[in-house]
Amino acid sequence: MSANSSPQLPAATASDIRGIVGPLEDEVIARIVEVGATSAEVLDAYTRYRSDQLQEKKLEYELHGKAARVFDILQAEESDDEPG
């Protein structure tokens, strides 16, 4: 193992994701699982998603990588649920 390597954290399971974001349709959970995000990345995405939804203060960081992809899935699911 090189000095620049860090241990790889395991990807979040469907159960982990449901524990963080609550009940979602199986298809949405499967799409998030496919991203391979860690529980921490899912939590970051969900925190940002809920913060934007509740129009709380603007967070001072941008999501990147897998967390950004999870956020996009959560946003797309919200768009699908809106009438019209």
PDB file of N, CA and C in Angstrom:
ATOM      1  N   MET A   1       0.846  -1.173   0.000  1.00  0.00           N
ATOM      2  CA  MET A   1       0.000   0.000   0.000  1.00  0.00           C
ATOM      3  C   MET A   1       0.889   1.232   0.000  1.00  0.00           C
ATOM      4  N   SER A   2       0.641   2.161  -0.919  1.00  0.00           N
ATOM      5  CA  SER A   2       1.474   3.349  -1.015  1.00  0.00           C
ATOM      6  C   SER A   2       1.057   4.379   0.037  1.00  0.00           C
ATOM      7  N   ALA A   3       1.896   5.366   0.251  1.00  0.00           N
ATOM      8  CA  ALA A   3       1.630   6.388   1.255  1.00  0.00           C
ATOM      9  C   ALA A   3       0.416   7.244   0.884  1.00  0.00           C
ATOM     10  N   ASN A   4       0.119   7.336  -0.402  1.00  0.00           N
ATOM     11  CA  ASN A   4      -1.007   8.159  -0.846  1.00  0.00           C
ATOM     12  C   ASN A   4      -2.332   7.415  -0.795  1.00  0.00           C
ATOM     13  N   SER A   5      -2.300   6.132  -0.534  1.00  0.00           N
ATOM     14  CA  SER A   5      -3.541   5.357  -0.511  1.00  0.00           C
ATOM     15  C   SER A   5      -4.231   5.509   0.833  1.00  0.00           C
ATOM     16  N   SER A   6      -5.548   5.536   0.774  1.00  0.00           N
ATOM     17  CA  SER A   6      -6.315   5.524   2.003  1.00  0.00           C
ATOM     18  C   SER A   6      -7.250   4.340   1.933  1.00  0.00           C
ATOM     19  N   PRO A   7      -7.643   3.821   3.085  1.00  0.00           N
ATOM     20  CA  PRO A   7      -8.527   2.664   3.055  1.00  0.00           C
ATOM     21  C   PRO A   7      -9.841   3.011   2.360  1.00  0.00           C
ATOM     22  N   GLN A   8     -10.320   2.097   1.557  1.00  0.00           N
ATOM     23  CA  GLN A   8     -11.576   2.291   0.831  1.00  0.00           C
ATOM     24  C   GLN A   8     -12.740   2.013   1.771  1.00  0.00           C
ATOM     25  N   LEU A   9     -13.621   2.976   1.926  1.00  0.00           N
ATOM     26  CA  LEU A   9     -14.807   2.782   2.754  1.00  0.00           C
ATOM     27  C   LEU A   9     -15.836   2.007   1.949  1.00  0.00           C
ATOM     28  N   PRO A  10     -16.620   1.169   2.608  1.00  0.00           N
ATOM     29  CA  PRO A  10     -17.617   0.386   1.878  1.00  0.00           C
ATOM     30  C   PRO A  10     -18.763   1.260   1.377  1.00  0.00           C
ATOM     31  N   ALA A  11     -19.307   0.852   0.248  1.00  0.00           N
ATOM     32  CA  ALA A  11     -20.467   1.554  -0.303  1.00  0.00           C
ATOM     33  C   ALA A  11     -21.671   1.329   0.604  1.00  0.00           C
ATOM     34  N   ALA A  12     -22.541   2.294   0.647  1.00  0.00           N
ATOM     35  CA  ALA A  12     -23.761   2.195   1.452  1.00  0.00           C
ATOM     36  C   ALA A  12     -24.669   1.113   0.871  1.00  0.00           C
ATOM     37  N   THR A  13     -25.278   0.362   1.747  1.00  0.00           N
ATOM     38  CA  THR A  13     -26.251  -0.651   1.328  1.00  0.00           C
ATOM     39  C   THR A  13     -27.627  -0.006   1.222  1.00  0.00           C
ATOM     40  N   ALA A  14     -28.575  -0.735   0.656  1.00  0.00           N
ATOM     41  CA  ALA A  14     -29.954  -0.240   0.575  1.00  0.00           C
ATOM     42  C   ALA A  14     -30.479   0.081   1.968  1.00  0.00           C
ATOM     43  N   SER A  15     -30.161  -0.752   2.931  1.00  0.00           N
ATOM     44  CA  SER A  15     -30.590  -0.530   4.307  1.00  0.00           C
ATOM     45  C   SER A  15     -29.960   0.744   4.875  1.00  0.00           C
ATOM     46  N   ASP A  16     -28.674   0.949   4.591  1.00  0.00           N
ATOM     47  CA  ASP A  16     -27.993   2.173   5.040  1.00  0.00           C
ATOM     48  C   ASP A  16     -28.674   3.408   4.456  1.00  0.00           C
ATOM     49  N   ILE A  17     -28.969   3.337   3.160  1.00  0.00           N
ATOM     50  CA  ILE A  17     -29.573   4.474   2.469  1.00  0.00           C
ATOM     51  C   ILE A  17     -30.945   4.785   3.048  1.00  0.00           C
ATOM     52  N   ARG A  18     -31.753   3.763   3.256  1.00  0.00           N
ATOM     53  CA  ARG A  18     -33.081   3.978   3.848  1.00  0.00           C
ATOM     54  C   ARG A  18     -32.958   4.562   5.255  1.00  0.00           C
ATOM     55  N   GLY A  19     -31.934   4.151   5.993  1.00  0.00           N
ATOM     56  CA  GLY A  19     -31.719   4.689   7.331  1.00  0.00           C
ATOM     57  C   GLY A  19     -31.377   6.170   7.312  1.00  0.00           C
ATOM     58  N   ILE A  20     -30.786   6.623   6.223  1.00  0.00           N
ATOM     59  CA  ILE A  20     -30.394   8.027   6.099  1.00  0.00           C
ATOM     60  C   ILE A  20     -31.528   8.866   5.517  1.00  0.00           C
ATOM     61  N   VAL A  21     -32.104   8.408   4.416  1.00  0.00           N
ATOM     62  CA  VAL A  21     -33.078   9.236   3.696  1.00  0.00           C
ATOM     63  C   VAL A  21     -34.524   8.869   3.978  1.00  0.00           C
ATOM     64  N   GLY A  22     -34.748   7.759   4.647  1.00  0.00           N
ATOM     65  CA  GLY A  22     -36.116   7.331   4.913  1.00  0.00           C
ATOM     66  C   GLY A  22     -36.661   6.503   3.767  1.00  0.00           C
ATOM     67  N   PRO A  23     -37.972   6.291   3.761  1.00  0.00           N
ATOM     68  CA  PRO A  23     -38.552   5.428   2.743  1.00  0.00           C
ATOM     69  C   PRO A  23     -38.513   6.058   1.353  1.00  0.00           C
ATOM     70  N   LEU A  24     -37.995   5.312   0.422  1.00  0.00           N
ATOM     71  CA  LEU A  24     -38.000   5.684  -0.987  1.00  0.00           C
ATOM     72  C   LEU A  24     -38.395   4.452  -1.783  1.00  0.00           C
ATOM     73  N   GLU A  25     -38.835   4.656  -2.999  1.00  0.00           N
ATOM     74  CA  GLU A  25     -39.161   3.523  -3.847  1.00  0.00           C
ATOM     75  C   GLU A  25     -37.907   2.694  -4.110  1.00  0.00           C
ATOM     76  N   ASP A  26     -38.109   1.392  -4.273  1.00  0.00           N
ATOM     77  CA  ASP A  26     -36.986   0.482  -4.494  1.00  0.00           C
ATOM     78  C   ASP A  26     -36.128   0.906  -5.681  1.00  0.00           C
ATOM     79  N   GLU A  27     -36.757   1.404  -6.739  1.00  0.00           N
ATOM     80  CA  GLU A  27     -36.020   1.829  -7.925  1.00  0.00           C
ATOM     81  C   GLU A  27     -35.047   2.961  -7.606  1.00  0.00           C
ATOM     82  N   VAL A  28     -35.480   3.896  -6.794  1.00  0.00           N
ATOM     83  CA  VAL A  28     -34.623   5.031  -6.421  1.00  0.00           C
ATOM     84  C   VAL A  28     -33.468   4.544  -5.552  1.00  0.00           C
ATOM     85  N   ILE A  29     -33.777   3.679  -4.598  1.00  0.00           N
ATOM     86  CA  ILE A  29     -32.722   3.105  -3.752  1.00  0.00           C
ATOM     87  C   ILE A  29     -31.703   2.374  -4.619  1.00  0.00           C
ATOM     88  N   ALA A  30     -32.171   1.603  -5.583  1.00  0.00           N
ATOM     89  CA  ALA A  30     -31.279   0.850  -6.469  1.00  0.00           C
ATOM     90  C   ALA A  30     -30.372   1.792  -7.253  1.00  0.00           C
ATOM     91  N   ARG A  31     -30.919   2.904  -7.725  1.00  0.00           N
ATOM     92  CA  ARG A  31     -30.097   3.870  -8.465  1.00  0.00           C
ATOM     93  C   ARG A  31     -29.018   4.468  -7.576  1.00  0.00           C
ATOM     94  N   ILE A  32     -29.354   4.730  -6.311  1.00  0.00           N
ATOM     95  CA  ILE A  32     -28.356   5.270  -5.380  1.00  0.00           C
ATOM     96  C   ILE A  32     -27.301   4.212  -5.076  1.00  0.00           C
ATOM     97  N   VAL A  33     -27.720   2.963  -4.860  1.00  0.00           N
ATOM     98  CA  VAL A  33     -26.768   1.875  -4.604  1.00  0.00           C
ATOM     99  C   VAL A  33     -25.791   1.754  -5.772  1.00  0.00           C
ATOM    100  N   GLU A  34     -26.285   1.878  -7.008  1.00  0.00           N
ATOM    101  CA  GLU A  34     -25.437   1.767  -8.197  1.00  0.00           C
ATOM    102  C   GLU A  34     -24.332   2.804  -8.232  1.00  0.00           C
ATOM    103  N   VAL A  35     -24.558   3.949  -7.630  1.00  0.00           N
ATOM    104  CA  VAL A  35     -23.548   5.007  -7.590  1.00  0.00           C
ATOM    105  C   VAL A  35     -22.313   4.524  -6.818  1.00  0.00           C
ATOM    106  N   GLY A  36     -22.536   3.700  -5.798  1.00  0.00           N
ATOM    107  CA  GLY A  36     -21.423   3.195  -4.994  1.00  0.00           C
ATOM    108  C   GLY A  36     -20.957   4.171  -3.933  1.00  0.00           C
ATOM    109  N   ALA A  37     -21.827   5.096  -3.549  1.00  0.00           N
ATOM    110  CA  ALA A  37     -21.476   6.099  -2.548  1.00  0.00           C
ATOM    111  C   ALA A  37     -21.398   5.478  -1.158  1.00  0.00           C
ATOM    112  N   THR A  38     -20.543   6.047  -0.334  1.00  0.00           N
ATOM    113  CA  THR A  38     -20.467   5.622   1.058  1.00  0.00           C
ATOM    114  C   THR A  38     -21.647   6.221   1.818  1.00  0.00           C
ATOM    115  N   SER A  39     -21.868   5.739   3.022  1.00  0.00           N
ATOM    116  CA  SER A  39     -22.923   6.313   3.863  1.00  0.00           C
ATOM    117  C   SER A  39     -22.688   7.802   4.097  1.00  0.00           C
ATOM    118  N   ALA A  40     -21.437   8.193   4.270  1.00  0.00           N
ATOM    119  CA  ALA A  40     -21.109   9.609   4.488  1.00  0.00           C
ATOM    120  C   ALA A  40     -21.468  10.439   3.265  1.00  0.00           C
ATOM    121  N   GLU A  41     -21.221   9.908   2.064  1.00  0.00           N
ATOM    122  CA  GLU A  41     -21.559  10.636   0.845  1.00  0.00           C
ATOM    123  C   GLU A  41     -23.073  10.751   0.672  1.00  0.00           C
ATOM    124  N   VAL A  42     -23.793   9.678   1.008  1.00  0.00           N
ATOM    125  CA  VAL A  42     -25.257   9.725   0.950  1.00  0.00           C
ATOM    126  C   VAL A  42     -25.778  10.758   1.943  1.00  0.00           C
ATOM    127  N   LEU A  43     -25.221  10.768   3.141  1.00  0.00           N
ATOM    128  CA  LEU A  43     -25.636  11.739   4.155  1.00  0.00           C
ATOM    129  C   LEU A  43     -25.348  13.164   3.704  1.00  0.00           C
ATOM    130  N   ASP A  44     -24.183  13.401   3.104  1.00  0.00           N
ATOM    131  CA  ASP A  44     -23.870  14.737   2.582  1.00  0.00           C
ATOM    132  C   ASP A  44     -24.891  15.164   1.531  1.00  0.00           C
ATOM    133  N   ALA A  45     -25.209  14.263   0.609  1.00  0.00           N
ATOM    134  CA  ALA A  45     -26.169  14.573  -0.456  1.00  0.00           C
ATOM    135  C   ALA A  45     -27.550  14.845   0.125  1.00  0.00           C
ATOM    136  N   TYR A  46     -27.966  14.018   1.065  1.00  0.00           N
ATOM    137  CA  TYR A  46     -29.292  14.178   1.652  1.00  0.00           C
ATOM    138  C   TYR A  46     -29.380  15.455   2.480  1.00  0.00           C
ATOM    139  N   THR A  47     -28.325  15.784   3.197  1.00  0.00           N
ATOM    140  CA  THR A  47     -28.289  17.018   3.981  1.00  0.00           C
ATOM    141  C   THR A  47     -28.429  18.223   3.057  1.00  0.00           C
ATOM    142  N   ARG A  48     -27.710  18.208   1.960  1.00  0.00           N
ATOM    143  CA  ARG A  48     -27.797  19.312   0.991  1.00  0.00           C
ATOM    144  C   ARG A  48     -29.201  19.364   0.383  1.00  0.00           C
ATOM    145  N   TYR A  49     -29.730  18.212   0.021  1.00  0.00           N
ATOM    146  CA  TYR A  49     -31.070  18.130  -0.576  1.00  0.00           C
ATOM    147  C   TYR A  49     -32.123  18.694   0.371  1.00  0.00           C
ATOM    148  N   ARG A  50     -32.110  18.270   1.603  1.00  0.00           N
ATOM    149  CA  ARG A  50     -33.103  18.751   2.576  1.00  0.00           C
ATOM    150  C   ARG A  50     -32.894  20.231   2.872  1.00  0.00           C
ATOM    151  N   SER A  51     -31.669  20.678   2.930  1.00  0.00           N
ATOM    152  CA  SER A  51     -31.389  22.081   3.204  1.00  0.00           C
ATOM    153  C   SER A  51     -31.965  22.953   2.102  1.00  0.00           C
ATOM    154  N   ASP A  52     -31.756  22.561   0.851  1.00  0.00           N
ATOM    155  CA  ASP A  52     -32.311  23.313  -0.273  1.00  0.00           C
ATOM    156  C   ASP A  52     -33.828  23.258  -0.243  1.00  0.00           C
ATOM    157  N   GLN A  53     -34.392  22.117   0.090  1.00  0.00           N
ATOM    158  CA  GLN A  53     -35.836  21.956   0.127  1.00  0.00           C
ATOM    159  C   GLN A  53     -36.465  22.867   1.167  1.00  0.00           C
ATOM    160  N   LEU A  54     -35.823  22.995   2.287  1.00  0.00           N
ATOM    161  CA  LEU A  54     -36.372  23.799   3.379  1.00  0.00           C
ATOM    162  C   LEU A  54     -35.954  25.259   3.287  1.00  0.00           C
ATOM    163  N   GLN A  55     -35.188  25.593   2.258  1.00  0.00           N
ATOM    164  CA  GLN A  55     -34.691  26.941   2.031  1.00  0.00           C
ATOM    165  C   GLN A  55     -34.003  27.503   3.263  1.00  0.00           C
ATOM    166  N   GLU A  56     -33.186  26.664   3.866  1.00  0.00           N
ATOM    167  CA  GLU A  56     -32.376  27.114   4.987  1.00  0.00           C
ATOM    168  C   GLU A  56     -31.186  27.884   4.437  1.00  0.00           C
ATOM    169  N   LYS A  57     -30.233  28.140   5.276  1.00  0.00           N
ATOM    170  CA  LYS A  57     -29.047  28.885   4.850  1.00  0.00           C
ATOM    171  C   LYS A  57     -28.327  28.158   3.715  1.00  0.00           C
ATOM    172  N   LYS A  58     -27.670  28.923   2.881  1.00  0.00           N
ATOM    173  CA  LYS A  58     -26.902  28.350   1.781  1.00  0.00           C
ATOM    174  C   LYS A  58     -25.644  27.710   2.359  1.00  0.00           C
ATOM    175  N   LEU A  59     -25.428  26.447   2.019  1.00  0.00           N
ATOM    176  CA  LEU A  59     -24.235  25.763   2.497  1.00  0.00           C
ATOM    177  C   LEU A  59     -23.015  26.295   1.755  1.00  0.00           C
ATOM    178  N   GLU A  60     -21.909  26.299   2.439  1.00  0.00           N
ATOM    179  CA  GLU A  60     -20.705  26.913   1.882  1.00  0.00           C
ATOM    180  C   GLU A  60     -19.784  25.924   1.190  1.00  0.00           C
ATOM    181  N   TYR A  61     -20.312  24.833   0.707  1.00  0.00           N
ATOM    182  CA  TYR A  61     -19.495  23.885  -0.030  1.00  0.00           C
ATOM    183  C   TYR A  61     -20.321  23.264  -1.138  1.00  0.00           C
ATOM    184  N   GLU A  62     -19.644  22.813  -2.152  1.00  0.00           N
ATOM    185  CA  GLU A  62     -20.287  22.148  -3.271  1.00  0.00           C
ATOM    186  C   GLU A  62     -20.088  20.644  -3.137  1.00  0.00           C
ATOM    187  N   LEU A  63     -21.078  19.917  -3.546  1.00  0.00           N
ATOM    188  CA  LEU A  63     -20.944  18.461  -3.574  1.00  0.00           C
ATOM    189  C   LEU A  63     -20.174  18.064  -4.822  1.00  0.00           C
ATOM    190  N   HIS A  64     -19.386  17.012  -4.695  1.00  0.00           N
ATOM    191  CA  HIS A  64     -18.606  16.506  -5.818  1.00  0.00           C
ATOM    192  C   HIS A  64     -18.736  14.999  -5.877  1.00  0.00           C
ATOM    193  N   GLY A  65     -18.391  14.447  -7.008  1.00  0.00           N
ATOM    194  CA  GLY A  65     -18.302  13.003  -7.166  1.00  0.00           C
ATOM    195  C   GLY A  65     -19.601  12.282  -6.874  1.00  0.00           C
ATOM    196  N   LYS A  66     -19.492  11.227  -6.090  1.00  0.00           N
ATOM    197  CA  LYS A  66     -20.638  10.363  -5.808  1.00  0.00           C
ATOM    198  C   LYS A  66     -21.723  11.078  -5.014  1.00  0.00           C
ATOM    199  N   ALA A  67     -21.342  11.945  -4.098  1.00  0.00           N
ATOM    200  CA  ALA A  67     -22.347  12.689  -3.332  1.00  0.00           C
ATOM    201  C   ALA A  67     -23.175  13.564  -4.265  1.00  0.00           C
ATOM    202  N   ALA A  68     -22.546  14.183  -5.246  1.00  0.00           N
ATOM    203  CA  ALA A  68     -23.272  15.016  -6.212  1.00  0.00           C
ATOM    204  C   ALA A  68     -24.219  14.162  -7.047  1.00  0.00           C
ATOM    205  N   ARG A  69     -23.798  12.949  -7.395  1.00  0.00           N
ATOM    206  CA  ARG A  69     -24.660  12.065  -8.180  1.00  0.00           C
ATOM    207  C   ARG A  69     -25.873  11.617  -7.364  1.00  0.00           C
ATOM    208  N   VAL A  70     -25.675  11.328  -6.079  1.00  0.00           N
ATOM    209  CA  VAL A  70     -26.796  10.965  -5.213  1.00  0.00           C
ATOM    210  C   VAL A  70     -27.756  12.144  -5.094  1.00  0.00           C
ATOM    211  N   PHE A  71     -27.222  13.337  -4.926  1.00  0.00           N
ATOM    212  CA  PHE A  71     -28.055  14.537  -4.848  1.00  0.00           C
ATOM    213  C   PHE A  71     -28.903  14.679  -6.105  1.00  0.00           C
ATOM    214  N   ASP A  72     -28.297  14.457  -7.263  1.00  0.00           N
ATOM    215  CA  ASP A  72     -29.033  14.551  -8.528  1.00  0.00           C
ATOM    216  C   ASP A  72     -30.173  13.537  -8.585  1.00  0.00           C
ATOM    217  N   ILE A  73     -29.945  12.336  -8.075  1.00  0.00           N
ATOM    218  CA  ILE A  73     -30.994  11.310  -8.049  1.00  0.00           C
ATOM    219  C   ILE A  73     -32.141  11.760  -7.144  1.00  0.00           C
ATOM    220  N   LEU A  74     -31.816  12.294  -5.981  1.00  0.00           N
ATOM    221  CA  LEU A  74     -32.850  12.769  -5.058  1.00  0.00           C
ATOM    222  C   LEU A  74     -33.649  13.910  -5.685  1.00  0.00           C
ATOM    223  N   GLN A  75     -32.965  14.825  -6.353  1.00  0.00           N
ATOM    224  CA  GLN A  75     -33.657  15.938  -7.005  1.00  0.00           C
ATOM    225  C   GLN A  75     -34.545  15.444  -8.144  1.00  0.00           C
ATOM    226  N   ALA A  76     -34.050  14.501  -8.922  1.00  0.00           N
ATOM    227  CA  ALA A  76     -34.834  13.961 -10.034  1.00  0.00           C
ATOM    228  C   ALA A  76     -36.076  13.263  -9.517  1.00  0.00           C
ATOM    229  N   GLU A  77     -35.966  12.580  -8.396  1.00  0.00           N
ATOM    230  CA  GLU A  77     -37.117  11.899  -7.807  1.00  0.00           C
ATOM    231  C   GLU A  77     -38.163  12.916  -7.380  1.00  0.00           C
ATOM    232  N   GLU A  78     -37.720  14.028  -6.818  1.00  0.00           N
ATOM    233  CA  GLU A  78     -38.647  15.084  -6.427  1.00  0.00           C
ATOM    234  C   GLU A  78     -39.362  15.639  -7.662  1.00  0.00           C
ATOM    235  N   SER A  79     -38.635  15.867  -8.731  1.00  0.00           N
ATOM    236  CA  SER A  79     -39.223  16.395  -9.964  1.00  0.00           C
ATOM    237  C   SER A  79     -40.266  15.434 -10.521  1.00  0.00           C
ATOM    238  N   ASP A  80     -40.006  14.145 -10.430  1.00  0.00           N
ATOM    239  CA  ASP A  80     -40.946  13.135 -10.914  1.00  0.00           C
ATOM    240  C   ASP A  80     -42.232  13.124 -10.098  1.00  0.00           C
ATOM    241  N   ASP A  81     -42.137  13.506  -8.828  1.00  0.00           N
ATOM    242  CA  ASP A  81     -43.293  13.486  -7.939  1.00  0.00           C
ATOM    243  C   ASP A  81     -44.174  14.720  -8.074  1.00  0.00           C
ATOM    244  N   GLU A  82     -43.645  15.786  -8.692  1.00  0.00           N
ATOM    245  CA  GLU A  82     -44.405  17.032  -8.806  1.00  0.00           C
ATOM    246  C   GLU A  82     -45.472  16.889  -9.898  1.00  0.00           C
ATOM    247  N   PRO A  83     -46.667  17.370  -9.642  1.00  0.00           N
ATOM    248  CA  PRO A  83     -47.707  17.303 -10.676  1.00  0.00           C
ATOM    249  C   PRO A  83     -47.416  18.267 -11.816  1.00  0.00           C
ATOM    250  N   GLY A  84     -47.904  17.919 -12.998  1.00  0.00           N
ATOM    251  CA  GLY A  84     -47.769  18.828 -14.105  1.00  0.00           C
ATOM    252  C   GLY A  84     -46.863  18.323 -15.130  1.00  0.00           C
TER     253      GLY A  84
END
